[in-house]
Full PDB file with SEQRES, HELIX, SHEET, SSBOND, CRYST1, ORIGX, SCALE, CONECT and MASTER records, all heavy atoms in Angstrom:
SEQRES   1 A   42  GLU ASP ASP LEU PRO PRO ARG LEU ASP ALA GLU PHE ASP          
SEQRES   2 A   42  SER LYS LYS THR ALA SER ILE PRO ILE THR TYR GLY CYS          
SEQRES   3 A   42  ASN ASN PHE CYS THR TYR CYS ILE VAL PRO TYR VAL ARG          
SEQRES   4 A   42  GLY ARG GLU                                                  
HELIX    1 AA1 VAL A   35  ARG A   39  1                                   5    
CRYST1    1.000    1.000    1.000  90.00  90.00  90.00 P 1           1          
ORIGX1      1.000000  0.000000  0.000000        0.00000                         
ORIGX2      0.000000  1.000000  0.000000        0.00000                         
ORIGX3      0.000000  0.000000  1.000000        0.00000                         
SCALE1      1.000000  0.000000  0.000000        0.00000                         
SCALE2      0.000000  1.000000  0.000000        0.00000                         
SCALE3      0.000000  0.000000  1.000000        0.00000                         
ATOM      1  N   GLU A   1       9.480  55.290 213.365  1.00  0.00           N  
ATOM      2  CA  GLU A   1       8.555  56.283 212.812  1.00  0.00           C  
ATOM      3  C   GLU A   1       8.670  57.644 213.491  1.00  0.00           C  
ATOM      4  O   GLU A   1       8.142  58.626 212.988  1.00  0.00           O  
ATOM      5  CB  GLU A   1       7.107  55.783 212.884  1.00  0.00           C  
ATOM      6  CG  GLU A   1       6.539  55.598 214.288  1.00  0.00           C  
ATOM      7  CD  GLU A   1       6.769  54.188 214.786  1.00  0.00           C  
ATOM      8  OE1 GLU A   1       7.578  53.457 214.202  1.00  0.00           O  
ATOM      9  OE2 GLU A   1       6.142  53.831 215.809  1.00  0.00           O  
ATOM     10  N   ASP A   2       9.328  57.708 214.643  1.00  0.00           N  
ATOM     11  CA  ASP A   2       9.494  58.988 215.319  1.00  0.00           C  
ATOM     12  C   ASP A   2      10.853  59.626 215.050  1.00  0.00           C  
ATOM     13  O   ASP A   2      11.179  60.666 215.630  1.00  0.00           O  
ATOM     14  CB  ASP A   2       9.281  58.828 216.832  1.00  0.00           C  
ATOM     15  CG  ASP A   2       7.823  58.520 217.172  1.00  0.00           C  
ATOM     16  OD1 ASP A   2       6.931  59.020 216.455  1.00  0.00           O  
ATOM     17  OD2 ASP A   2       7.579  57.778 218.133  1.00  0.00           O  
ATOM     18  N   ASP A   3      11.653  59.013 214.178  1.00  0.00           N  
ATOM     19  CA  ASP A   3      12.935  59.587 213.800  1.00  0.00           C  
ATOM     20  C   ASP A   3      12.775  60.423 212.539  1.00  0.00           C  
ATOM     21  O   ASP A   3      11.829  60.249 211.764  1.00  0.00           O  
ATOM     22  CB  ASP A   3      13.977  58.495 213.545  1.00  0.00           C  
ATOM     23  CG  ASP A   3      14.331  57.718 214.793  1.00  0.00           C  
ATOM     24  OD1 ASP A   3      14.082  58.235 215.904  1.00  0.00           O  
ATOM     25  OD2 ASP A   3      14.834  56.580 214.663  1.00  0.00           O  
ATOM     26  N   LEU A   4      13.724  61.334 212.322  1.00  0.00           N  
ATOM     27  CA  LEU A   4      13.761  62.052 211.065  1.00  0.00           C  
ATOM     28  C   LEU A   4      14.300  61.131 209.986  1.00  0.00           C  
ATOM     29  O   LEU A   4      15.328  60.477 210.191  1.00  0.00           O  
ATOM     30  CB  LEU A   4      14.650  63.294 211.166  1.00  0.00           C  
ATOM     31  CG  LEU A   4      14.073  64.520 211.884  1.00  0.00           C  
ATOM     32  CD1 LEU A   4      15.145  65.580 212.039  1.00  0.00           C  
ATOM     33  CD2 LEU A   4      12.891  65.091 211.118  1.00  0.00           C  
ATOM     34  N   PRO A   5      13.635  61.060 208.828  1.00  0.00           N  
ATOM     35  CA  PRO A   5      14.183  60.260 207.734  1.00  0.00           C  
ATOM     36  C   PRO A   5      15.528  60.822 207.287  1.00  0.00           C  
ATOM     37  O   PRO A   5      15.813  62.006 207.491  1.00  0.00           O  
ATOM     38  CB  PRO A   5      13.138  60.408 206.622  1.00  0.00           C  
ATOM     39  CG  PRO A   5      11.919  60.913 207.282  1.00  0.00           C  
ATOM     40  CD  PRO A   5      12.368  61.705 208.462  1.00  0.00           C  
ATOM     41  N   PRO A   6      16.351  60.013 206.672  1.00  0.00           N  
ATOM     42  CA  PRO A   6      17.628  60.532 206.184  1.00  0.00           C  
ATOM     43  C   PRO A   6      17.406  61.591 205.106  1.00  0.00           C  
ATOM     44  O   PRO A   6      16.478  61.492 204.303  1.00  0.00           O  
ATOM     45  CB  PRO A   6      18.312  59.286 205.601  1.00  0.00           C  
ATOM     46  CG  PRO A   6      17.189  58.333 205.284  1.00  0.00           C  
ATOM     47  CD  PRO A   6      16.162  58.588 206.324  1.00  0.00           C  
ATOM     48  N   ARG A   7      18.257  62.619 205.086  1.00  0.00           N  
ATOM     49  CA  ARG A   7      18.193  63.644 204.053  1.00  0.00           C  
ATOM     50  C   ARG A   7      18.936  63.127 202.832  1.00  0.00           C  
ATOM     51  O   ARG A   7      20.153  63.034 202.815  1.00  0.00           O  
ATOM     52  CB  ARG A   7      18.805  64.957 204.541  1.00  0.00           C  
ATOM     53  CG  ARG A   7      18.209  65.473 205.835  1.00  0.00           C  
ATOM     54  CD  ARG A   7      16.727  65.722 205.756  1.00  0.00           C  
ATOM     55  NE  ARG A   7      16.394  66.976 205.057  1.00  0.00           N  
ATOM     56  CZ  ARG A   7      15.170  67.440 204.959  1.00  0.00           C  
ATOM     57  NH1 ARG A   7      14.142  66.738 205.441  1.00  0.00           N  
ATOM     58  NH2 ARG A   7      14.923  68.585 204.326  1.00  0.00           N  
ATOM     59  N   LEU A   8      18.220  62.754 201.824  1.00  0.00           N  
ATOM     60  CA  LEU A   8      18.771  62.128 200.639  1.00  0.00           C  
ATOM     61  C   LEU A   8      18.678  63.070 199.450  1.00  0.00           C  
ATOM     62  O   LEU A   8      17.761  63.882 199.343  1.00  0.00           O  
ATOM     63  CB  LEU A   8      18.008  60.832 200.329  1.00  0.00           C  
ATOM     64  CG  LEU A   8      18.013  59.776 201.444  1.00  0.00           C  
ATOM     65  CD1 LEU A   8      16.990  58.690 201.132  1.00  0.00           C  
ATOM     66  CD2 LEU A   8      19.396  59.170 201.597  1.00  0.00           C  
ATOM     67  N   ASP A   9      19.650  62.962 198.555  1.00  0.00           N  
ATOM     68  CA  ASP A   9      19.609  63.741 197.320  1.00  0.00           C  
ATOM     69  C   ASP A   9      18.387  63.347 196.498  1.00  0.00           C  
ATOM     70  O   ASP A   9      17.939  62.204 196.524  1.00  0.00           O  
ATOM     71  CB  ASP A   9      20.874  63.513 196.496  1.00  0.00           C  
ATOM     72  CG  ASP A   9      22.104  64.122 197.149  1.00  0.00           C  
ATOM     73  OD1 ASP A   9      21.939  65.077 197.936  1.00  0.00           O  
ATOM     74  OD2 ASP A   9      23.217  63.637 196.886  1.00  0.00           O  
ATOM     75  N   ALA A  10      17.868  64.325 195.757  1.00  0.00           N  
ATOM     76  CA  ALA A  10      16.728  64.039 194.893  1.00  0.00           C  
ATOM     77  C   ALA A  10      16.795  64.917 193.655  1.00  0.00           C  
ATOM     78  O   ALA A  10      17.164  66.084 193.727  1.00  0.00           O  
ATOM     79  CB  ALA A  10      15.413  64.281 195.629  1.00  0.00           C  
ATOM     80  N   GLU A  11      16.472  64.324 192.531  1.00  0.00           N  
ATOM     81  CA  GLU A  11      16.291  65.068 191.295  1.00  0.00           C  
ATOM     82  C   GLU A  11      14.826  64.936 190.904  1.00  0.00           C  
ATOM     83  O   GLU A  11      14.298  63.831 190.855  1.00  0.00           O  
ATOM     84  CB  GLU A  11      17.194  64.528 190.185  1.00  0.00           C  
ATOM     85  CG  GLU A  11      18.688  64.711 190.435  1.00  0.00           C  
ATOM     86  CD  GLU A  11      19.129  66.161 190.338  1.00  0.00           C  
ATOM     87  OE1 GLU A  11      18.439  66.949 189.667  1.00  0.00           O  
ATOM     88  OE2 GLU A  11      20.174  66.505 190.934  1.00  0.00           O  
ATOM     89  N   PHE A  12      14.192  66.052 190.628  1.00  0.00           N  
ATOM     90  CA  PHE A  12      12.758  66.039 190.367  1.00  0.00           C  
ATOM     91  C   PHE A  12      12.475  66.053 188.875  1.00  0.00           C  
ATOM     92  O   PHE A  12      13.233  66.617 188.082  1.00  0.00           O  
ATOM     93  CB  PHE A  12      12.093  67.230 191.061  1.00  0.00           C  
ATOM     94  CG  PHE A  12      12.261  67.190 192.561  1.00  0.00           C  
ATOM     95  CD1 PHE A  12      13.313  67.846 193.168  1.00  0.00           C  
ATOM     96  CD2 PHE A  12      11.389  66.460 193.338  1.00  0.00           C  
ATOM     97  CE1 PHE A  12      13.489  67.791 194.538  1.00  0.00           C  
ATOM     98  CE2 PHE A  12      11.554  66.392 194.710  1.00  0.00           C  
ATOM     99  CZ  PHE A  12      12.612  67.057 195.311  1.00  0.00           C  
ATOM    100  N   ASP A  13      11.361  65.404 188.513  1.00  0.00           N  
ATOM    101  CA  ASP A  13      11.003  65.334 187.103  1.00  0.00           C  
ATOM    102  C   ASP A  13      10.844  66.713 186.496  1.00  0.00           C  
ATOM    103  O   ASP A  13      11.224  66.960 185.366  1.00  0.00           O  
ATOM    104  CB  ASP A  13       9.713  64.521 186.919  1.00  0.00           C  
ATOM    105  CG  ASP A  13       9.915  63.046 187.241  1.00  0.00           C  
ATOM    106  OD1 ASP A  13      11.066  62.581 187.146  1.00  0.00           O  
ATOM    107  OD2 ASP A  13       8.926  62.367 187.580  1.00  0.00           O  
ATOM    108  N   SER A  14      10.258  67.625 187.288  1.00  0.00           N  
ATOM    109  CA  SER A  14      10.180  69.011 186.848  1.00  0.00           C  
ATOM    110  C   SER A  14      11.490  69.712 187.155  1.00  0.00           C  
ATOM    111  O   SER A  14      11.975  69.675 188.282  1.00  0.00           O  
ATOM    112  CB  SER A  14       9.043  69.744 187.554  1.00  0.00           C  
ATOM    113  OG  SER A  14       9.139  71.144 187.349  1.00  0.00           O  
ATOM    114  N   LYS A  15      12.085  70.330 186.158  1.00  0.00           N  
ATOM    115  CA  LYS A  15      13.315  71.082 186.378  1.00  0.00           C  
ATOM    116  C   LYS A  15      13.026  72.482 186.912  1.00  0.00           C  
ATOM    117  O   LYS A  15      13.932  73.291 187.071  1.00  0.00           O  
ATOM    118  CB  LYS A  15      14.117  71.170 185.078  1.00  0.00           C  
ATOM    119  CG  LYS A  15      14.683  69.835 184.625  1.00  0.00           C  
ATOM    120  CD  LYS A  15      15.599  69.235 185.672  1.00  0.00           C  
ATOM    121  CE  LYS A  15      16.183  67.901 185.239  1.00  0.00           C  
ATOM    122  NZ  LYS A  15      17.003  67.283 186.319  1.00  0.00           N  
ATOM    123  N   LYS A  16      11.764  72.747 187.193  1.00  0.00           N  
ATOM    124  CA  LYS A  16      11.380  74.056 187.695  1.00  0.00           C  
ATOM    125  C   LYS A  16      11.041  74.039 189.182  1.00  0.00           C  
ATOM    126  O   LYS A  16      11.232  75.018 189.881  1.00  0.00           O  
ATOM    127  CB  LYS A  16      10.182  74.587 186.896  1.00  0.00           C  
ATOM    128  CG  LYS A  16      10.532  74.819 185.434  1.00  0.00           C  
ATOM    129  CD  LYS A  16       9.338  74.869 184.542  1.00  0.00           C  
ATOM    130  CE  LYS A  16       8.680  73.533 184.385  1.00  0.00           C  
ATOM    131  NZ  LYS A  16       9.480  72.530 183.636  1.00  0.00           N  
ATOM    132  N   THR A  17      10.494  72.898 189.667  1.00  0.00           N  
ATOM    133  CA  THR A  17      10.021  72.824 191.043  1.00  0.00           C  
ATOM    134  C   THR A  17      10.761  71.756 191.823  1.00  0.00           C  
ATOM    135  O   THR A  17      10.827  70.603 191.410  1.00  0.00           O  
ATOM    136  CB  THR A  17       8.508  72.523 191.080  1.00  0.00           C  
ATOM    137  OG1 THR A  17       7.799  73.520 190.340  1.00  0.00           O  
ATOM    138  CG2 THR A  17       8.009  72.512 192.524  1.00  0.00           C  
ATOM    139  N   ALA A  18      11.310  72.149 192.969  1.00  0.00           N  
ATOM    140  CA  ALA A  18      11.932  71.215 193.906  1.00  0.00           C  
ATOM    141  C   ALA A  18      11.173  71.293 195.226  1.00  0.00           C  
ATOM    142  O   ALA A  18      10.728  72.362 195.636  1.00  0.00           O  
ATOM    143  CB  ALA A  18      13.399  71.558 194.124  1.00  0.00           C  
ATOM    144  N   SER A  19      11.017  70.169 195.888  1.00  0.00           N  
ATOM    145  CA  SER A  19      10.308  70.153 197.162  1.00  0.00           C  
ATOM    146  C   SER A  19      11.242  69.754 198.294  1.00  0.00           C  
ATOM    147  O   SER A  19      12.154  68.949 198.115  1.00  0.00           O  
ATOM    148  CB  SER A  19       9.100  69.212 197.108  1.00  0.00           C  
ATOM    149  OG  SER A  19       9.498  67.884 196.818  1.00  0.00           O  
ATOM    150  N   ILE A  20      10.984  70.325 199.474  1.00  0.00           N  
ATOM    151  CA  ILE A  20      11.817  70.091 200.642  1.00  0.00           C  
ATOM    152  C   ILE A  20      10.924  69.850 201.862  1.00  0.00           C  
ATOM    153  O   ILE A  20      10.209  70.765 202.289  1.00  0.00           O  
ATOM    154  CB  ILE A  20      12.741  71.298 200.926  1.00  0.00           C  
ATOM    155  CG1 ILE A  20      13.649  71.574 199.729  1.00  0.00           C  
ATOM    156  CG2 ILE A  20      13.574  71.051 202.188  1.00  0.00           C  
ATOM    157  CD1 ILE A  20      14.495  72.836 199.893  1.00  0.00           C  
ATOM    158  N   PRO A  21      10.922  68.660 202.443  1.00  0.00           N  
ATOM    159  CA  PRO A  21      10.187  68.461 203.694  1.00  0.00           C  
ATOM    160  C   PRO A  21      10.842  69.255 204.826  1.00  0.00           C  
ATOM    161  O   PRO A  21      12.052  69.179 205.011  1.00  0.00           O  
ATOM    162  CB  PRO A  21      10.317  66.956 203.944  1.00  0.00           C  
ATOM    163  CG  PRO A  21      10.717  66.367 202.620  1.00  0.00           C  
ATOM    164  CD  PRO A  21      11.538  67.423 201.943  1.00  0.00           C  
ATOM    165  N   ILE A  22      10.046  70.019 205.545  1.00  0.00           N  
ATOM    166  CA  ILE A  22      10.575  70.769 206.689  1.00  0.00           C  
ATOM    167  C   ILE A  22      10.066  70.209 208.015  1.00  0.00           C  
ATOM    168  O   ILE A  22      10.670  70.447 209.056  1.00  0.00           O  
ATOM    169  CB  ILE A  22      10.252  72.270 206.586  1.00  0.00           C  
ATOM    170  CG1 ILE A  22       8.748  72.524 206.686  1.00  0.00           C  
ATOM    171  CG2 ILE A  22      10.816  72.853 205.301  1.00  0.00           C  
ATOM    172  CD1 ILE A  22       8.389  73.986 206.875  1.00  0.00           C  
ATOM    173  N   THR A  23       8.953  69.483 207.974  1.00  0.00           N  
ATOM    174  CA  THR A  23       8.466  68.768 209.154  1.00  0.00           C  
ATOM    175  C   THR A  23       7.966  67.399 208.722  1.00  0.00           C  
ATOM    176  O   THR A  23       7.584  67.197 207.562  1.00  0.00           O  
ATOM    177  CB  THR A  23       7.312  69.496 209.878  1.00  0.00           C  
ATOM    178  OG1 THR A  23       6.143  69.493 209.051  1.00  0.00           O  
ATOM    179  CG2 THR A  23       7.684  70.925 210.240  1.00  0.00           C  
ATOM    180  N   TYR A  24       7.962  66.482 209.674  1.00  0.00           N  
ATOM    181  CA  TYR A  24       7.373  65.165 209.478  1.00  0.00           C  
ATOM    182  C   TYR A  24       6.405  64.896 210.624  1.00  0.00           C  
ATOM    183  O   TYR A  24       6.635  65.319 211.755  1.00  0.00           O  
ATOM    184  CB  TYR A  24       8.453  64.084 209.472  1.00  0.00           C  
ATOM    185  CG  TYR A  24       9.440  64.184 208.334  1.00  0.00           C  
ATOM    186  CD1 TYR A  24      10.625  64.908 208.471  1.00  0.00           C  
ATOM    187  CD2 TYR A  24       9.209  63.556 207.109  1.00  0.00           C  
ATOM    188  CE1 TYR A  24      11.536  65.000 207.434  1.00  0.00           C  
ATOM    189  CE2 TYR A  24      10.112  63.642 206.062  1.00  0.00           C  
ATOM    190  CZ  TYR A  24      11.275  64.365 206.234  1.00  0.00           C  
ATOM    191  OH  TYR A  24      12.180  64.455 205.197  1.00  0.00           O  
ATOM    192  N   GLY A  25       5.331  64.164 210.308  1.00  0.00           N  
ATOM    193  CA  GLY A  25       4.397  63.797 211.359  1.00  0.00           C  
ATOM    194  C   GLY A  25       3.409  64.894 211.699  1.00  0.00           C  
ATOM    195  O   GLY A  25       3.431  65.991 211.132  1.00  0.00           O  
ATOM    196  N   CYS A  26       2.549  64.612 212.655  1.00  0.00           N  
ATOM    197  CA  CYS A  26       1.488  65.548 213.021  1.00  0.00           C  
ATOM    198  C   CYS A  26       1.040  65.290 214.451  1.00  0.00           C  
ATOM    199  O   CYS A  26       0.932  64.134 214.886  1.00  0.00           O  
ATOM    200  CB  CYS A  26       0.304  65.377 212.060  1.00  0.00           C  
ATOM    201  SG  CYS A  26      -1.036  66.557 212.337  1.00  0.00           S  
ATOM    202  N   ASN A  27       0.749  66.376 215.174  1.00  0.00           N  
ATOM    203  CA  ASN A  27       0.274  66.280 216.552  1.00  0.00           C  
ATOM    204  C   ASN A  27      -1.203  66.631 216.702  1.00  0.00           C  
ATOM    205  O   ASN A  27      -1.714  66.671 217.818  1.00  0.00           O  
ATOM    206  CB  ASN A  27       1.077  67.222 217.456  1.00  0.00           C  
ATOM    207  CG  ASN A  27       2.516  66.793 217.634  1.00  0.00           C  
ATOM    208  OD1 ASN A  27       2.911  65.696 217.249  1.00  0.00           O  
ATOM    209  ND2 ASN A  27       3.333  67.658 218.212  1.00  0.00           N  
ATOM    210  N   ASN A  28      -1.895  66.898 215.606  1.00  0.00           N  
ATOM    211  CA  ASN A  28      -3.230  67.486 215.712  1.00  0.00           C  
ATOM    212  C   ASN A  28      -4.355  66.479 215.965  1.00  0.00           C  
ATOM    213  O   ASN A  28      -5.360  66.809 216.564  1.00  0.00           O  
ATOM    214  CB  ASN A  28      -3.537  68.296 214.455  1.00  0.00           C  
ATOM    215  CG  ASN A  28      -2.681  69.548 214.381  1.00  0.00           C  
ATOM    216  OD1 ASN A  28      -2.518  70.264 215.356  1.00  0.00           O  
ATOM    217  ND2 ASN A  28      -2.118  69.807 213.210  1.00  0.00           N  
ATOM    218  N   PHE A  29      -4.233  65.287 215.461  1.00  0.00           N  
ATOM    219  CA  PHE A  29      -5.235  64.244 215.656  1.00  0.00           C  
ATOM    220  C   PHE A  29      -6.642  64.707 215.291  1.00  0.00           C  
ATOM    221  O   PHE A  29      -7.593  64.573 216.082  1.00  0.00           O  
ATOM    222  CB  PHE A  29      -5.198  63.712 217.097  1.00  0.00           C  
ATOM    223  CG  PHE A  29      -3.986  62.887 217.397  1.00  0.00           C  
ATOM    224  CD1 PHE A  29      -2.843  63.479 217.909  1.00  0.00           C  
ATOM    225  CD2 PHE A  29      -3.954  61.532 217.109  1.00  0.00           C  
ATOM    226  CE1 PHE A  29      -1.700  62.723 218.157  1.00  0.00           C  
ATOM    227  CE2 PHE A  29      -2.814  60.780 217.348  1.00  0.00           C  
ATOM    228  CZ  PHE A  29      -1.687  61.361 217.883  1.00  0.00           C  
ATOM    229  N   CYS A  30      -6.781  65.280 214.109  1.00  0.00           N  
ATOM    230  CA  CYS A  30      -8.115  65.515 213.568  1.00  0.00           C  
ATOM    231  C   CYS A  30      -8.823  64.167 213.515  1.00  0.00           C  
ATOM    232  O   CYS A  30      -8.220  63.149 213.146  1.00  0.00           O  
ATOM    233  CB  CYS A  30      -8.031  66.131 212.176  1.00  0.00           C  
ATOM    234  SG  CYS A  30      -7.166  67.740 212.141  1.00  0.00           S  
ATOM    235  N   THR A  31     -10.074  64.141 213.887  1.00  0.00           N  
ATOM    236  CA  THR A  31     -10.736  62.864 214.139  1.00  0.00           C  
ATOM    237  C   THR A  31     -10.959  62.023 212.889  1.00  0.00           C  
ATOM    238  O   THR A  31     -11.236  60.827 212.998  1.00  0.00           O  
ATOM    239  CB  THR A  31     -12.089  63.086 214.845  1.00  0.00           C  
ATOM    240  OG1 THR A  31     -12.906  63.972 214.055  1.00  0.00           O  
ATOM    241  CG2 THR A  31     -11.875  63.684 216.234  1.00  0.00           C  
ATOM    242  N   TYR A  32     -10.843  62.634 211.699  1.00  0.00           N  
ATOM    243  CA  TYR A  32     -11.044  61.912 210.445  1.00  0.00           C  
ATOM    244  C   TYR A  32      -9.744  61.404 209.836  1.00  0.00           C  
ATOM    245  O   TYR A  32      -9.770  60.705 208.831  1.00  0.00           O  
ATOM    246  CB  TYR A  32     -11.737  62.808 209.413  1.00  0.00           C  
ATOM    247  CG  TYR A  32     -11.036  64.141 209.217  1.00  0.00           C  
ATOM    248  CD1 TYR A  32      -9.911  64.260 208.424  1.00  0.00           C  
ATOM    249  CD2 TYR A  32     -11.498  65.285 209.861  1.00  0.00           C  
ATOM    250  CE1 TYR A  32      -9.258  65.464 208.277  1.00  0.00           C  
ATOM    251  CE2 TYR A  32     -10.855  66.497 209.729  1.00  0.00           C  
ATOM    252  CZ  TYR A  32      -9.731  66.585 208.931  1.00  0.00           C  
ATOM    253  OH  TYR A  32      -9.076  67.783 208.797  1.00  0.00           O  
ATOM    254  N   CYS A  33      -8.594  61.738 210.428  1.00  0.00           N  
ATOM    255  CA  CYS A  33      -7.309  61.592 209.750  1.00  0.00           C  
ATOM    256  C   CYS A  33      -6.439  60.503 210.362  1.00  0.00           C  
ATOM    257  O   CYS A  33      -6.265  60.435 211.585  1.00  0.00           O  
ATOM    258  CB  CYS A  33      -6.559  62.928 209.772  1.00  0.00           C  
ATOM    259  SG  CYS A  33      -5.012  62.917 208.824  1.00  0.00           S  
ATOM    260  N   ILE A  34      -5.829  59.700 209.511  1.00  0.00           N  
ATOM    261  CA  ILE A  34      -4.973  58.603 209.937  1.00  0.00           C  
ATOM    262  C   ILE A  34      -3.500  59.018 210.016  1.00  0.00           C  
ATOM    263  O   ILE A  34      -2.667  58.286 210.577  1.00  0.00           O  
ATOM    264  CB  ILE A  34      -5.130  57.415 208.951  1.00  0.00           C  
ATOM    265  CG1 ILE A  34      -4.560  56.099 209.538  1.00  0.00           C  
ATOM    266  CG2 ILE A  34      -4.466  57.719 207.604  1.00  0.00           C  
ATOM    267  CD1 ILE A  34      -5.355  55.539 210.653  1.00  0.00           C  
ATOM    268  N   VAL A  35      -3.147  60.194 209.484  1.00  0.00           N  
ATOM    269  CA  VAL A  35      -1.743  60.584 209.326  1.00  0.00           C  
ATOM    270  C   VAL A  35      -0.924  60.504 210.618  1.00  0.00           C  
ATOM    271  O   VAL A  35       0.189  59.966 210.613  1.00  0.00           O  
ATOM    272  CB  VAL A  35      -1.630  61.986 208.687  1.00  0.00           C  
ATOM    273  CG1 VAL A  35      -0.209  62.544 208.818  1.00  0.00           C  
ATOM    274  CG2 VAL A  35      -2.016  61.910 207.212  1.00  0.00           C  
ATOM    275  N   PRO A  36      -1.407  61.032 211.762  1.00  0.00           N  
ATOM    276  CA  PRO A  36      -0.572  60.950 212.968  1.00  0.00           C  
ATOM    277  C   PRO A  36      -0.215  59.519 213.366  1.00  0.00           C  
ATOM    278  O   PRO A  36       0.811  59.297 214.004  1.00  0.00           O  
ATOM    279  CB  PRO A  36      -1.440  61.611 214.051  1.00  0.00           C  
ATOM    280  CG  PRO A  36      -2.385  62.484 213.299  1.00  0.00           C  
ATOM    281  CD  PRO A  36      -2.675  61.752 212.029  1.00  0.00           C  
ATOM    282  N   TYR A  37      -1.061  58.569 212.977  1.00  0.00           N  
ATOM    283  CA  TYR A  37      -0.832  57.179 213.349  1.00  0.00           C  
ATOM    284  C   TYR A  37       0.193  56.500 212.442  1.00  0.00           C  
ATOM    285  O   TYR A  37       0.779  55.484 212.820  1.00  0.00           O  
ATOM    286  CB  TYR A  37      -2.152  56.400 213.311  1.00  0.00           C  
ATOM    287  CG  TYR A  37      -3.218  56.990 214.214  1.00  0.00           C  
ATOM    288  CD1 TYR A  37      -4.211  57.827 213.687  1.00  0.00           C  
ATOM    289  CD2 TYR A  37      -3.225  56.748 215.574  1.00  0.00           C  
ATOM    290  CE1 TYR A  37      -5.184  58.377 214.500  1.00  0.00           C  
ATOM    291  CE2 TYR A  37      -4.203  57.293 216.393  1.00  0.00           C  
ATOM    292  CZ  TYR A  37      -5.176  58.113 215.847  1.00  0.00           C  
ATOM    293  OH  TYR A  37      -6.142  58.667 216.659  1.00  0.00           O  
ATOM    294  N   VAL A  38       0.394  57.035 211.249  1.00  0.00           N  
ATOM    295  CA  VAL A  38       1.330  56.401 210.318  1.00  0.00           C  
ATOM    296  C   VAL A  38       2.596  57.213 210.091  1.00  0.00           C  
ATOM    297  O   VAL A  38       3.619  56.668 209.662  1.00  0.00           O  
ATOM    298  CB  VAL A  38       0.657  56.092 208.962  1.00  0.00           C  
ATOM    299  CG1 VAL A  38      -0.437  55.052 209.148  1.00  0.00           C  
ATOM    300  CG2 VAL A  38       0.099  57.342 208.295  1.00  0.00           C  
ATOM    301  N   ARG A  39       2.558  58.505 210.368  1.00  0.00           N  
ATOM    302  CA  ARG A  39       3.755  59.343 210.185  1.00  0.00           C  
ATOM    303  C   ARG A  39       4.336  59.821 211.503  1.00  0.00           C  
ATOM    304  O   ARG A  39       5.339  60.532 211.514  1.00  0.00           O  
ATOM    305  CB  ARG A  39       3.464  60.529 209.260  1.00  0.00           C  
ATOM    306  CG  ARG A  39       3.346  60.113 207.787  1.00  0.00           C  
ATOM    307  CD  ARG A  39       3.484  61.265 206.849  1.00  0.00           C  
ATOM    308  NE  ARG A  39       3.488  60.865 205.447  1.00  0.00           N  
ATOM    309  CZ  ARG A  39       4.569  60.656 204.721  1.00  0.00           C  
ATOM    310  NH1 ARG A  39       5.763  60.811 205.257  1.00  0.00           N  
ATOM    311  NH2 ARG A  39       4.473  60.311 203.445  1.00  0.00           N  
ATOM    312  N   GLY A  40       3.726  59.452 212.626  1.00  0.00           N  
ATOM    313  CA  GLY A  40       4.306  59.774 213.928  1.00  0.00           C  
ATOM    314  C   GLY A  40       4.055  61.207 214.355  1.00  0.00           C  
ATOM    315  O   GLY A  40       3.291  61.955 213.750  1.00  0.00           O  
ATOM    316  N   ARG A  41       4.738  61.582 215.451  1.00  0.00           N  
ATOM    317  CA  ARG A  41       4.578  62.934 215.991  1.00  0.00           C  
ATOM    318  C   ARG A  41       5.405  63.929 215.175  1.00  0.00           C  
ATOM    319  O   ARG A  41       6.290  63.582 214.406  1.00  0.00           O  
ATOM    320  CB  ARG A  41       5.052  62.985 217.456  1.00  0.00           C  
ATOM    321  CG  ARG A  41       4.377  62.002 218.411  1.00  0.00           C  
ATOM    322  CD  ARG A  41       2.904  62.309 218.654  1.00  0.00           C  
ATOM    323  NE  ARG A  41       2.072  61.915 217.501  1.00  0.00           N  
ATOM    324  CZ  ARG A  41       1.719  60.673 217.232  1.00  0.00           C  
ATOM    325  NH1 ARG A  41       2.141  59.683 218.015  1.00  0.00           N  
ATOM    326  NH2 ARG A  41       0.980  60.382 216.175  1.00  0.00           N  
ATOM    327  N   GLU A  42       5.094  65.206 215.379  1.00  0.00           N  
ATOM    328  CA  GLU A  42       5.778  66.267 214.641  1.00  0.00           C  
ATOM    329  C   GLU A  42       7.269  66.309 214.961  1.00  0.00           C  
ATOM    330  O   GLU A  42       7.671  66.320 216.128  1.00  0.00           O  
ATOM    331  CB  GLU A  42       5.178  67.631 214.965  1.00  0.00           C  
ATOM    332  CG  GLU A  42       3.838  67.874 214.310  1.00  0.00           C  
ATOM    333  CD  GLU A  42       3.237  69.217 214.640  1.00  0.00           C  
ATOM    334  OE1 GLU A  42       3.874  69.996 215.382  1.00  0.00           O  
ATOM    335  OE2 GLU A  42       2.118  69.506 214.167  1.00  0.00           O  
TER     336      GLU A  42                                                      
MASTER        0    0    0    1    0    0    0    6  335    1    0    4          
END                                                                             
């Protein structure tokens, strides 16, 4: 979970919008949020 996922090709349903992850994970630990525990550190 602390590794970068592989950069894989993607074709999006919308031919107008493509998305690109630039970061994974989170270091903020907002007290209501589970994300840092499941997506790892930034």
